Protein backbone atom coordinates (compact mmCIF):
# COMPACT_ATOMS: atom_id res chain seq x y z
CA GLN A 1 -38.05 29.23 42.34
CA VAL A 2 -34.73 30.64 41.18
CA GLN A 3 -34.64 33.70 38.94
CA LEU A 4 -31.66 34.80 36.91
CA VAL A 5 -31.30 38.41 35.76
CA GLU A 6 -28.41 39.23 33.47
CA SER A 7 -27.18 42.77 32.79
CA GLY A 8 -24.18 44.73 31.61
CA GLY A 9 -24.24 44.03 27.90
CA GLY A 10 -23.96 46.64 25.21
CA LEU A 11 -22.18 47.78 22.07
CA VAL A 12 -18.41 47.86 22.29
CA GLN A 13 -15.61 48.25 19.77
CA PRO A 14 -13.19 45.39 19.08
CA GLY A 15 -10.55 45.30 21.78
CA GLY A 16 -12.90 46.79 24.33
CA SER A 17 -14.16 45.40 27.63
CA LEU A 18 -17.46 44.70 29.32
CA ARG A 19 -18.45 43.31 32.69
CA LEU A 20 -21.60 41.25 32.82
CA SER A 21 -23.57 40.61 35.99
CA CYS A 22 -26.01 37.87 36.88
CA ALA A 23 -28.24 38.44 39.89
CA VAL A 24 -29.55 35.19 41.34
CA SER A 25 -32.67 35.28 43.48
CA GLY A 26 -34.84 32.63 45.06
CA SER A 27 -34.08 29.34 46.72
CA VAL A 28 -30.39 28.96 46.10
CA SER A 29 -28.00 28.43 48.98
CA SER A 30 -24.80 29.22 47.15
CA LEU A 31 -23.33 29.94 43.76
CA PHE A 32 -21.10 26.91 44.01
CA VAL A 33 -21.84 25.78 40.48
CA MET A 34 -22.60 28.58 38.03
CA GLY A 35 -21.62 29.48 34.53
CA TRP A 36 -22.00 31.87 31.63
CA TYR A 37 -23.41 30.77 28.30
CA ARG A 38 -23.78 32.61 25.03
CA GLN A 39 -25.83 32.19 21.91
CA ALA A 40 -24.85 33.86 18.66
CA PRO A 41 -27.36 34.27 15.82
CA GLY A 42 -27.90 30.96 14.05
CA LYS A 43 -25.76 29.04 16.53
CA GLN A 44 -26.41 26.81 19.49
CA ARG A 45 -26.02 28.11 23.01
CA GLU A 46 -22.59 27.29 24.40
CA LEU A 47 -21.08 27.31 27.85
CA VAL A 48 -18.13 29.71 27.83
CA ALA A 49 -17.11 29.96 31.49
CA SER A 50 -18.05 28.12 34.66
CA PHE A 51 -17.34 27.18 38.21
CA PRO A 52 -17.62 23.38 38.08
CA ARG A 53 -18.55 21.15 41.01
CA THR A 54 -14.92 20.10 41.35
CA GLY A 55 -11.74 21.72 40.22
CA SER A 56 -10.99 25.24 39.10
CA THR A 57 -12.82 27.48 36.69
CA ASN A 58 -13.37 26.29 33.13
CA TYR A 59 -13.29 28.33 29.94
CA VAL A 60 -13.95 27.45 26.34
CA ASP A 61 -10.77 27.81 24.31
CA SER A 62 -12.05 30.80 22.35
CA VAL A 63 -12.25 32.98 25.49
CA LYS A 64 -9.30 31.71 27.54
CA GLY A 65 -7.07 34.52 28.67
CA ARG A 66 -9.70 37.14 27.83
CA PHE A 67 -12.74 36.31 30.00
CA THR A 68 -12.82 35.87 33.77
CA ILE A 69 -15.72 34.48 35.76
CA SER A 70 -16.15 35.47 39.39
CA ARG A 71 -18.86 35.40 42.03
CA ASP A 72 -20.01 37.16 45.16
CA ASN A 73 -21.89 34.64 47.27
CA ALA A 74 -23.07 37.26 49.73
CA GLU A 75 -24.65 39.30 46.94
CA LYS A 76 -25.72 36.18 45.00
CA THR A 77 -24.16 37.64 41.89
CA VAL A 78 -21.99 36.07 39.23
CA TYR A 79 -19.81 38.20 36.99
CA LEU A 80 -18.10 37.80 33.65
CA GLN A 81 -15.28 40.20 32.90
CA MET A 82 -14.70 40.26 29.17
CA ASN A 83 -11.55 41.87 27.80
CA SER A 84 -10.06 42.13 24.32
CA LEU A 85 -13.47 41.58 22.83
CA LYS A 86 -13.75 40.35 19.26
CA PRO A 87 -16.62 40.55 16.77
CA GLU A 88 -17.09 36.79 17.17
CA ASP A 89 -17.96 37.38 20.83
CA THR A 90 -21.20 39.00 19.67
CA ALA A 91 -24.05 37.03 21.23
CA VAL A 92 -26.72 37.05 23.88
CA TYR A 93 -25.11 36.05 27.17
CA TYR A 94 -26.91 34.05 29.84
CA CYS A 95 -26.01 32.67 33.23
CA ASN A 96 -27.15 29.35 34.66
CA ALA A 97 -25.91 26.41 36.67
CA PRO A 98 -24.40 23.77 34.38
CA THR A 99 -24.99 20.14 35.33
CA THR A 100 -24.36 16.83 33.61
CA THR A 101 -28.02 16.75 32.55
CA GLY A 102 -28.19 20.35 31.38
CA PRO A 103 -28.71 23.80 32.91
CA LEU A 104 -30.35 23.63 36.30
CA TYR A 105 -32.59 26.70 36.23
CA GLU A 106 -35.00 28.37 33.84
CA TRP A 107 -33.25 30.80 31.54
CA GLY A 108 -33.28 34.52 32.17
CA GLN A 109 -33.71 37.09 29.46
CA GLY A 110 -30.00 37.31 28.76
CA THR A 111 -27.98 40.39 27.91
CA GLN A 112 -26.91 41.34 24.39
CA VAL A 113 -23.24 41.89 23.68
CA THR A 114 -22.35 43.39 20.31
CA VAL A 115 -18.73 43.86 19.31
CA SER A 116 -18.47 46.05 16.25
CA SER A 117 -16.60 49.05 14.95
């Protein structure tokens, strides 16, 4: 069973930065395919950054140039560096492994990111 534990969220002013972490434990051999999702109040959960099965990293247009996904396979940790944060980035952020049929693992508890002055 794979467990996902997200951390690193918090309250930050517009223009600020945060680095989220996702610790992956259990029966997973690599972090080859992983991604970060977010869900804002009243909205559907969306995939914002990912390492796909083929090709380079993917980002949703709204975060391109501001967010960077990275991973440490040895530590089984996936990161999301978020810079130039905007109020519209406010959401609960989750990690998971995106597949063509949906996220592969059970969701973790997520980490709240609030961007506000």
